[in-house]
């Protein structure tokens, strides 16, 4: 497996964890202190928290995941293009 593919797989896992966090947040009975939910929360909260402080919820809607998704997409594209250029 090349570095490009390994990095791409890592980003796919990160995307999956963030999507799971967002989907699970719609269910009020999720116990965030039990595994595997605690792992998902511990992984995502340090990323979401700074954006929540900068951009408060609008009408009860937390838009920090949207900002995180946009930034994560840009980081992914940038890193993958750099790795691709270095491997050619």
PDB file of N, CA and C in Angstrom:
ATOM      1  N   UNK A   1       0.846  -1.173   0.000  1.00  0.00           N
ATOM      2  CA  UNK A   1       0.000   0.000   0.000  1.00  0.00           C
ATOM      3  C   UNK A   1       0.898   1.244   0.000  1.00  0.00           C
ATOM      4  N   UNK A   2       0.580   2.159  -0.861  1.00  0.00           N
ATOM      5  CA  UNK A   2       1.378   3.370  -0.950  1.00  0.00           C
ATOM      6  C   UNK A   2       0.981   4.352   0.153  1.00  0.00           C
ATOM      7  N   UNK A   3       1.819   5.338   0.355  1.00  0.00           N
ATOM      8  CA  UNK A   3       1.532   6.370   1.347  1.00  0.00           C
ATOM      9  C   UNK A   3       0.241   7.100   0.993  1.00  0.00           C
ATOM     10  N   UNK A   4       0.038   7.340  -0.291  1.00  0.00           N
ATOM     11  CA  UNK A   4      -1.176   8.020  -0.744  1.00  0.00           C
ATOM     12  C   UNK A   4      -2.421   7.244  -0.312  1.00  0.00           C
ATOM     13  N   UNK A   5      -2.434   5.941  -0.578  1.00  0.00           N
ATOM     14  CA  UNK A   5      -3.594   5.121  -0.235  1.00  0.00           C
ATOM     15  C   UNK A   5      -3.778   4.998   1.284  1.00  0.00           C
ATOM     16  N   UNK A   6      -2.689   4.901   2.007  1.00  0.00           N
ATOM     17  CA  UNK A   6      -2.777   4.818   3.467  1.00  0.00           C
ATOM     18  C   UNK A   6      -3.364   6.107   4.040  1.00  0.00           C
ATOM     19  N   UNK A   7      -2.905   7.239   3.531  1.00  0.00           N
ATOM     20  CA  UNK A   7      -3.414   8.527   3.990  1.00  0.00           C
ATOM     21  C   UNK A   7      -4.886   8.689   3.615  1.00  0.00           C
ATOM     22  N   UNK A   8      -5.235   8.246   2.422  1.00  0.00           N
ATOM     23  CA  UNK A   8      -6.625   8.307   1.988  1.00  0.00           C
ATOM     24  C   UNK A   8      -7.510   7.444   2.890  1.00  0.00           C
ATOM     25  N   UNK A   9      -7.055   6.255   3.240  1.00  0.00           N
ATOM     26  CA  UNK A   9      -7.813   5.377   4.139  1.00  0.00           C
ATOM     27  C   UNK A   9      -7.967   6.010   5.524  1.00  0.00           C
ATOM     28  N   UNK A  10      -6.917   6.647   6.013  1.00  0.00           N
ATOM     29  CA  UNK A  10      -6.982   7.326   7.305  1.00  0.00           C
ATOM     30  C   UNK A  10      -8.053   8.418   7.286  1.00  0.00           C
ATOM     31  N   UNK A  11      -8.079   9.204   6.221  1.00  0.00           N
ATOM     32  CA  UNK A  11      -9.095  10.246   6.114  1.00  0.00           C
ATOM     33  C   UNK A  11     -10.499   9.648   6.034  1.00  0.00           C
ATOM     34  N   UNK A  12     -10.656   8.523   5.360  1.00  0.00           N
ATOM     35  CA  UNK A  12     -11.970   7.874   5.282  1.00  0.00           C
ATOM     36  C   UNK A  12     -12.448   7.458   6.677  1.00  0.00           C
ATOM     37  N   UNK A  13     -11.540   6.957   7.489  1.00  0.00           N
ATOM     38  CA  UNK A  13     -11.890   6.570   8.863  1.00  0.00           C
ATOM     39  C   UNK A  13     -12.271   7.799   9.685  1.00  0.00           C
ATOM     40  N   UNK A  14     -11.516   8.873   9.521  1.00  0.00           N
ATOM     41  CA  UNK A  14     -11.817  10.121  10.235  1.00  0.00           C
ATOM     42  C   UNK A  14     -13.197  10.637   9.834  1.00  0.00           C
ATOM     43  N   UNK A  15     -13.483  10.633   8.526  1.00  0.00           N
ATOM     44  CA  UNK A  15     -14.801  11.069   8.050  1.00  0.00           C
ATOM     45  C   UNK A  15     -15.904  10.228   8.685  1.00  0.00           C
ATOM     46  N   UNK A  16     -15.707   8.925   8.714  1.00  0.00           N
ATOM     47  CA  UNK A  16     -16.706   8.019   9.280  1.00  0.00           C
ATOM     48  C   UNK A  16     -16.966   8.326  10.755  1.00  0.00           C
ATOM     49  N   UNK A  17     -15.913   8.569  11.506  1.00  0.00           N
ATOM     50  CA  UNK A  17     -16.072   8.880  12.935  1.00  0.00           C
ATOM     51  C   UNK A  17     -16.846  10.184  13.128  1.00  0.00           C
ATOM     52  N   UNK A  18     -16.539  11.197  12.324  1.00  0.00           N
ATOM     53  CA  UNK A  18     -17.256  12.469  12.438  1.00  0.00           C
ATOM     54  C   UNK A  18     -18.723  12.317  12.039  1.00  0.00           C
ATOM     55  N   UNK A  19     -18.997  11.562  10.997  1.00  0.00           N
ATOM     56  CA  UNK A  19     -20.383  11.347  10.575  1.00  0.00           C
ATOM     57  C   UNK A  19     -21.151  10.579  11.647  1.00  0.00           C
ATOM     58  N   UNK A  20     -20.513   9.560  12.230  1.00  0.00           N
ATOM     59  CA  UNK A  20     -21.162   8.825  13.319  1.00  0.00           C
ATOM     60  C   UNK A  20     -21.500   9.749  14.481  1.00  0.00           C
ATOM     61  N   UNK A  21     -20.583  10.643  14.818  1.00  0.00           N
ATOM     62  CA  UNK A  21     -20.828  11.583  15.925  1.00  0.00           C
ATOM     63  C   UNK A  21     -22.043  12.453  15.636  1.00  0.00           C
ATOM     64  N   UNK A  22     -22.135  12.941  14.418  1.00  0.00           N
ATOM     65  CA  UNK A  22     -23.259  13.806  14.063  1.00  0.00           C
ATOM     66  C   UNK A  22     -24.569  13.023  14.096  1.00  0.00           C
ATOM     67  N   UNK A  23     -24.573  11.840  13.523  1.00  0.00           N
ATOM     68  CA  UNK A  23     -25.789  11.022  13.521  1.00  0.00           C
ATOM     69  C   UNK A  23     -26.208  10.640  14.937  1.00  0.00           C
ATOM     70  N   UNK A  24     -25.244  10.254  15.758  1.00  0.00           N
ATOM     71  CA  UNK A  24     -25.561   9.863  17.132  1.00  0.00           C
ATOM     72  C   UNK A  24     -26.051  11.036  17.976  1.00  0.00           C
ATOM     73  N   UNK A  25     -25.657  12.250  17.619  1.00  0.00           N
ATOM     74  CA  UNK A  25     -26.100  13.413  18.394  1.00  0.00           C
ATOM     75  C   UNK A  25     -27.602  13.642  18.259  1.00  0.00           C
ATOM     76  N   UNK A  26     -28.225  13.033  17.269  1.00  0.00           N
ATOM     77  CA  UNK A  26     -29.673  13.171  17.096  1.00  0.00           C
ATOM     78  C   UNK A  26     -30.455  12.276  18.045  1.00  0.00           C
ATOM     79  N   UNK A  27     -29.768  11.355  18.709  1.00  0.00           N
ATOM     80  CA  UNK A  27     -30.426  10.424  19.622  1.00  0.00           C
ATOM     81  C   UNK A  27     -30.100  10.824  21.064  1.00  0.00           C
ATOM     82  N   UNK A  28     -31.080  11.360  21.779  1.00  0.00           N
ATOM     83  CA  UNK A  28     -30.807  11.876  23.125  1.00  0.00           C
ATOM     84  C   UNK A  28     -30.447  10.802  24.152  1.00  0.00           C
ATOM     85  N   UNK A  29     -30.751   9.554  23.877  1.00  0.00           N
ATOM     86  CA  UNK A  29     -30.487   8.496  24.856  1.00  0.00           C
ATOM     87  C   UNK A  29     -29.091   7.904  24.754  1.00  0.00           C
ATOM     88  N   UNK A  30     -28.256   8.420  23.874  1.00  0.00           N
ATOM     89  CA  UNK A  30     -26.893   7.896  23.746  1.00  0.00           C
ATOM     90  C   UNK A  30     -26.108   8.259  25.004  1.00  0.00           C
ATOM     91  N   UNK A  31     -25.508   7.274  25.619  1.00  0.00           N
ATOM     92  CA  UNK A  31     -24.674   7.492  26.807  1.00  0.00           C
ATOM     93  C   UNK A  31     -23.234   7.700  26.341  1.00  0.00           C
ATOM     94  N   UNK A  32     -22.815   8.965  26.287  1.00  0.00           N
ATOM     95  CA  UNK A  32     -21.494   9.317  25.756  1.00  0.00           C
ATOM     96  C   UNK A  32     -20.357   8.860  26.657  1.00  0.00           C
ATOM     97  N   UNK A  33     -20.668   8.306  27.821  1.00  0.00           N
ATOM     98  CA  UNK A  33     -19.620   7.860  28.738  1.00  0.00           C
ATOM     99  C   UNK A  33     -19.349   6.372  28.627  1.00  0.00           C
ATOM    100  N   UNK A  34     -20.080   5.675  27.745  1.00  0.00           N
ATOM    101  CA  UNK A  34     -19.857   4.244  27.520  1.00  0.00           C
ATOM    102  C   UNK A  34     -19.243   4.035  26.142  1.00  0.00           C
ATOM    103  N   UNK A  35     -18.418   2.996  26.038  1.00  0.00           N
ATOM    104  CA  UNK A  35     -17.799   2.664  24.755  1.00  0.00           C
ATOM    105  C   UNK A  35     -18.843   2.039  23.839  1.00  0.00           C
ATOM    106  N   UNK A  36     -18.783   2.233  22.551  1.00  0.00           N
ATOM    107  CA  UNK A  36     -17.797   2.958  21.758  1.00  0.00           C
ATOM    108  C   UNK A  36     -18.089   4.446  21.650  1.00  0.00           C
ATOM    109  N   UNK A  37     -19.197   4.885  22.274  1.00  0.00           N
ATOM    110  CA  UNK A  37     -19.587   6.286  22.149  1.00  0.00           C
ATOM    111  C   UNK A  37     -18.574   7.231  22.784  1.00  0.00           C
ATOM    112  N   UNK A  38     -17.964   6.807  23.875  1.00  0.00           N
ATOM    113  CA  UNK A  38     -16.952   7.639  24.536  1.00  0.00           C
ATOM    114  C   UNK A  38     -15.765   7.877  23.606  1.00  0.00           C
ATOM    115  N   UNK A  39     -15.338   6.838  22.892  1.00  0.00           N
ATOM    116  CA  UNK A  39     -14.234   7.001  21.945  1.00  0.00           C
ATOM    117  C   UNK A  39     -14.603   8.019  20.867  1.00  0.00           C
ATOM    118  N   UNK A  40     -15.815   7.904  20.331  1.00  0.00           N
ATOM    119  CA  UNK A  40     -16.255   8.825  19.278  1.00  0.00           C
ATOM    120  C   UNK A  40     -16.288  10.252  19.812  1.00  0.00           C
ATOM    121  N   UNK A  41     -16.817  10.426  21.015  1.00  0.00           N
ATOM    122  CA  UNK A  41     -16.878  11.760  21.619  1.00  0.00           C
ATOM    123  C   UNK A  41     -15.476  12.304  21.896  1.00  0.00           C
ATOM    124  N   UNK A  42     -14.624  11.472  22.483  1.00  0.00           N
ATOM    125  CA  UNK A  42     -13.262  11.911  22.810  1.00  0.00           C
ATOM    126  C   UNK A  42     -12.457  12.251  21.560  1.00  0.00           C
ATOM    127  N   UNK A  43     -12.745  11.591  20.460  1.00  0.00           N
ATOM    128  CA  UNK A  43     -12.030  11.845  19.208  1.00  0.00           C
ATOM    129  C   UNK A  43     -12.510  13.138  18.547  1.00  0.00           C
ATOM    130  N   UNK A  44     -13.818  13.389  18.599  1.00  0.00           N
ATOM    131  CA  UNK A  44     -14.378  14.515  17.853  1.00  0.00           C
ATOM    132  C   UNK A  44     -14.487  15.813  18.653  1.00  0.00           C
ATOM    133  N   UNK A  45     -14.695  15.710  19.943  1.00  0.00           N
ATOM    134  CA  UNK A  45     -14.939  16.910  20.743  1.00  0.00           C
ATOM    135  C   UNK A  45     -13.791  17.921  20.699  1.00  0.00           C
ATOM    136  N   UNK A  46     -12.520  17.510  20.766  1.00  0.00           N
ATOM    137  CA  UNK A  46     -11.446  18.511  20.679  1.00  0.00           C
ATOM    138  C   UNK A  46     -11.424  19.264  19.346  1.00  0.00           C
ATOM    139  N   UNK A  47     -12.015  18.687  18.329  1.00  0.00           N
ATOM    140  CA  UNK A  47     -12.076  19.363  17.026  1.00  0.00           C
ATOM    141  C   UNK A  47     -13.285  20.294  16.973  1.00  0.00           C
ATOM    142  N   UNK A  48     -14.434  19.824  17.426  1.00  0.00           N
ATOM    143  CA  UNK A  48     -15.652  20.632  17.365  1.00  0.00           C
ATOM    144  C   UNK A  48     -15.652  21.791  18.357  1.00  0.00           C
ATOM    145  N   UNK A  49     -15.112  21.584  19.536  1.00  0.00           N
ATOM    146  CA  UNK A  49     -15.205  22.559  20.627  1.00  0.00           C
ATOM    147  C   UNK A  49     -14.698  23.958  20.261  1.00  0.00           C
ATOM    148  N   UNK A  50     -13.508  24.115  19.674  1.00  0.00           N
ATOM    149  CA  UNK A  50     -13.050  25.472  19.347  1.00  0.00           C
ATOM    150  C   UNK A  50     -13.982  26.191  18.371  1.00  0.00           C
ATOM    151  N   UNK A  51     -14.559  25.448  17.429  1.00  0.00           N
ATOM    152  CA  UNK A  51     -15.465  26.070  16.467  1.00  0.00           C
ATOM    153  C   UNK A  51     -16.800  26.421  17.115  1.00  0.00           C
ATOM    154  N   UNK A  52     -17.236  25.637  18.090  1.00  0.00           N
ATOM    155  CA  UNK A  52     -18.455  25.954  18.834  1.00  0.00           C
ATOM    156  C   UNK A  52     -18.275  27.254  19.617  1.00  0.00           C
ATOM    157  N   UNK A  53     -17.067  27.473  20.126  1.00  0.00           N
ATOM    158  CA  UNK A  53     -16.805  28.704  20.882  1.00  0.00           C
ATOM    159  C   UNK A  53     -16.781  29.916  19.957  1.00  0.00           C
ATOM    160  N   UNK A  54     -16.238  29.736  18.743  1.00  0.00           N
ATOM    161  CA  UNK A  54     -16.167  30.844  17.788  1.00  0.00           C
ATOM    162  C   UNK A  54     -17.516  31.123  17.130  1.00  0.00           C
ATOM    163  N   UNK A  55     -18.270  30.059  16.833  1.00  0.00           N
ATOM    164  CA  UNK A  55     -19.548  30.193  16.139  1.00  0.00           C
ATOM    165  C   UNK A  55     -20.626  29.547  17.009  1.00  0.00           C
ATOM    166  N   UNK A  56     -21.342  30.351  17.776  1.00  0.00           N
ATOM    167  CA  UNK A  56     -22.376  29.763  18.640  1.00  0.00           C
ATOM    168  C   UNK A  56     -23.511  29.170  17.802  1.00  0.00           C
ATOM    169  N   UNK A  57     -24.259  28.229  18.374  1.00  0.00           N
ATOM    170  CA  UNK A  57     -25.389  27.638  17.643  1.00  0.00           C
ATOM    171  C   UNK A  57     -26.383  28.701  17.187  1.00  0.00           C
ATOM    172  N   UNK A  58     -26.893  28.519  15.975  1.00  0.00           N
ATOM    173  CA  UNK A  58     -27.869  29.453  15.412  1.00  0.00           C
ATOM    174  C   UNK A  58     -29.251  28.817  15.487  1.00  0.00           C
ATOM    175  N   UNK A  59     -30.114  29.392  16.279  1.00  0.00           N
ATOM    176  CA  UNK A  59     -31.455  28.842  16.422  1.00  0.00           C
ATOM    177  C   UNK A  59     -31.452  27.427  16.960  1.00  0.00           C
ATOM    178  N   UNK A  60     -30.499  27.127  17.828  1.00  0.00           N
ATOM    179  CA  UNK A  60     -30.394  25.782  18.392  1.00  0.00           C
ATOM    180  C   UNK A  60     -29.675  24.792  17.498  1.00  0.00           C
ATOM    181  N   UNK A  61     -29.202  25.241  16.337  1.00  0.00           N
ATOM    182  CA  UNK A  61     -28.511  24.361  15.397  1.00  0.00           C
ATOM    183  C   UNK A  61     -27.004  24.596  15.481  1.00  0.00           C
ATOM    184  N   UNK A  62     -26.274  23.555  15.804  1.00  0.00           N
ATOM    185  CA  UNK A  62     -24.814  23.622  15.906  1.00  0.00           C
ATOM    186  C   UNK A  62     -24.219  23.466  14.507  1.00  0.00           C
ATOM    187  N   UNK A  63     -23.588  24.528  14.006  1.00  0.00           N
ATOM    188  CA  UNK A  63     -23.018  24.458  12.658  1.00  0.00           C
ATOM    189  C   UNK A  63     -21.515  24.166  12.668  1.00  0.00           C
ATOM    190  N   UNK A  64     -20.959  23.914  13.846  1.00  0.00           N
ATOM    191  CA  UNK A  64     -19.530  23.608  13.904  1.00  0.00           C
ATOM    192  C   UNK A  64     -19.160  22.385  13.064  1.00  0.00           C
ATOM    193  N   UNK A  65     -20.001  21.339  12.976  1.00  0.00           N
ATOM    194  CA  UNK A  65     -19.628  20.221  12.106  1.00  0.00           C
ATOM    195  C   UNK A  65     -19.491  20.616  10.633  1.00  0.00           C
ATOM    196  N   UNK A  66     -20.295  21.572  10.186  1.00  0.00           N
ATOM    197  CA  UNK A  66     -20.193  22.021   8.795  1.00  0.00           C
ATOM    198  C   UNK A  66     -18.840  22.664   8.561  1.00  0.00           C
ATOM    199  N   UNK A  67     -18.417  23.508   9.485  1.00  0.00           N
ATOM    200  CA  UNK A  67     -17.112  24.166   9.369  1.00  0.00           C
ATOM    201  C   UNK A  67     -15.997  23.130   9.414  1.00  0.00           C
ATOM    202  N   UNK A  68     -16.107  22.174  10.327  1.00  0.00           N
ATOM    203  CA  UNK A  68     -15.095  21.116  10.435  1.00  0.00           C
ATOM    204  C   UNK A  68     -15.038  20.304   9.149  1.00  0.00           C
ATOM    205  N   UNK A  69     -16.193  19.973   8.566  1.00  0.00           N
ATOM    206  CA  UNK A  69     -16.210  19.203   7.320  1.00  0.00           C
ATOM    207  C   UNK A  69     -15.541  19.975   6.188  1.00  0.00           C
ATOM    208  N   UNK A  70     -15.818  21.264   6.091  1.00  0.00           N
ATOM    209  CA  UNK A  70     -15.182  22.074   5.043  1.00  0.00           C
ATOM    210  C   UNK A  70     -13.667  22.100   5.216  1.00  0.00           C
ATOM    211  N   UNK A  71     -13.217  22.337   6.434  1.00  0.00           N
ATOM    212  CA  UNK A  71     -11.776  22.386   6.690  1.00  0.00           C
ATOM    213  C   UNK A  71     -11.119  21.019   6.512  1.00  0.00           C
ATOM    214  N   UNK A  72     -11.772  19.972   6.981  1.00  0.00           N
ATOM    215  CA  UNK A  72     -11.226  18.625   6.824  1.00  0.00           C
ATOM    216  C   UNK A  72     -11.104  18.259   5.348  1.00  0.00           C
ATOM    217  N   UNK A  73     -12.093  18.629   4.556  1.00  0.00           N
ATOM    218  CA  UNK A  73     -12.034  18.378   3.120  1.00  0.00           C
ATOM    219  C   UNK A  73     -10.871  19.106   2.465  1.00  0.00           C
ATOM    220  N   UNK A  74     -10.639  20.357   2.872  1.00  0.00           N
ATOM    221  CA  UNK A  74      -9.519  21.115   2.304  1.00  0.00           C
ATOM    222  C   UNK A  74      -8.185  20.509   2.719  1.00  0.00           C
ATOM    223  N   UNK A  75      -8.066  20.116   3.980  1.00  0.00           N
ATOM    224  CA  UNK A  75      -6.826  19.493   4.457  1.00  0.00           C
ATOM    225  C   UNK A  75      -6.583  18.177   3.728  1.00  0.00           C
ATOM    226  N   UNK A  76      -7.633  17.394   3.557  1.00  0.00           N
ATOM    227  CA  UNK A  76      -7.503  16.113   2.866  1.00  0.00           C
ATOM    228  C   UNK A  76      -7.027  16.318   1.430  1.00  0.00           C
ATOM    229  N   UNK A  77      -7.676  17.204   0.708  1.00  0.00           N
ATOM    230  CA  UNK A  77      -7.290  17.448  -0.684  1.00  0.00           C
ATOM    231  C   UNK A  77      -5.859  17.963  -0.785  1.00  0.00           C
ATOM    232  N   UNK A  78      -5.490  18.869   0.097  1.00  0.00           N
ATOM    233  CA  UNK A  78      -4.141  19.439   0.069  1.00  0.00           C
ATOM    234  C   UNK A  78      -3.086  18.376   0.355  1.00  0.00           C
ATOM    235  N   UNK A  79      -3.276  17.624   1.436  1.00  0.00           N
ATOM    236  CA  UNK A  79      -2.287  16.601   1.791  1.00  0.00           C
ATOM    237  C   UNK A  79      -2.189  15.505   0.737  1.00  0.00           C
ATOM    238  N   UNK A  80      -3.331  15.054   0.225  1.00  0.00           N
ATOM    239  CA  UNK A  80      -3.296  14.002  -0.788  1.00  0.00           C
ATOM    240  C   UNK A  80      -2.645  14.478  -2.077  1.00  0.00           C
ATOM    241  N   UNK A  81      -2.878  15.732  -2.455  1.00  0.00           N
ATOM    242  CA  UNK A  81      -2.240  16.231  -3.675  1.00  0.00           C
ATOM    243  C   UNK A  81      -0.733  16.387  -3.482  1.00  0.00           C
ATOM    244  N   UNK A  82      -0.303  16.795  -2.294  1.00  0.00           N
ATOM    245  CA  UNK A  82       1.135  16.903  -2.021  1.00  0.00           C
ATOM    246  C   UNK A  82       1.784  15.526  -2.062  1.00  0.00           C
ATOM    247  N   UNK A  83       1.168  14.555  -1.410  1.00  0.00           N
ATOM    248  CA  UNK A  83       1.722  13.193  -1.398  1.00  0.00           C
ATOM    249  C   UNK A  83       1.744  12.615  -2.806  1.00  0.00           C
ATOM    250  N   UNK A  84       0.703  12.882  -3.580  1.00  0.00           N
ATOM    251  CA  UNK A  84       0.651  12.370  -4.955  1.00  0.00           C
ATOM    252  C   UNK A  84       1.781  12.966  -5.794  1.00  0.00           C
ATOM    253  N   UNK A  85       1.986  14.278  -5.672  1.00  0.00           N
ATOM    254  CA  UNK A  85       3.057  14.933  -6.444  1.00  0.00           C
ATOM    255  C   UNK A  85       4.434  14.431  -6.039  1.00  0.00           C
ATOM    256  N   UNK A  86       4.619  14.162  -4.755  1.00  0.00           N
ATOM    257  CA  UNK A  86       5.916  13.670  -4.294  1.00  0.00           C
ATOM    258  C   UNK A  86       6.176  12.239  -4.744  1.00  0.00           C
ATOM    259  N   UNK A  87       5.110  11.478  -4.949  1.00  0.00           N
ATOM    260  CA  UNK A  87       5.299  10.075  -5.330  1.00  0.00           C
ATOM    261  C   UNK A  87       5.469   9.890  -6.831  1.00  0.00           C
ATOM    262  N   UNK A  88       5.162  10.904  -7.614  1.00  0.00           N
ATOM    263  CA  UNK A  88       5.277  10.785  -9.081  1.00  0.00           C
ATOM    264  C   UNK A  88       6.676  11.097  -9.529  1.00  0.00           C
TER     265      UNK A  88
END
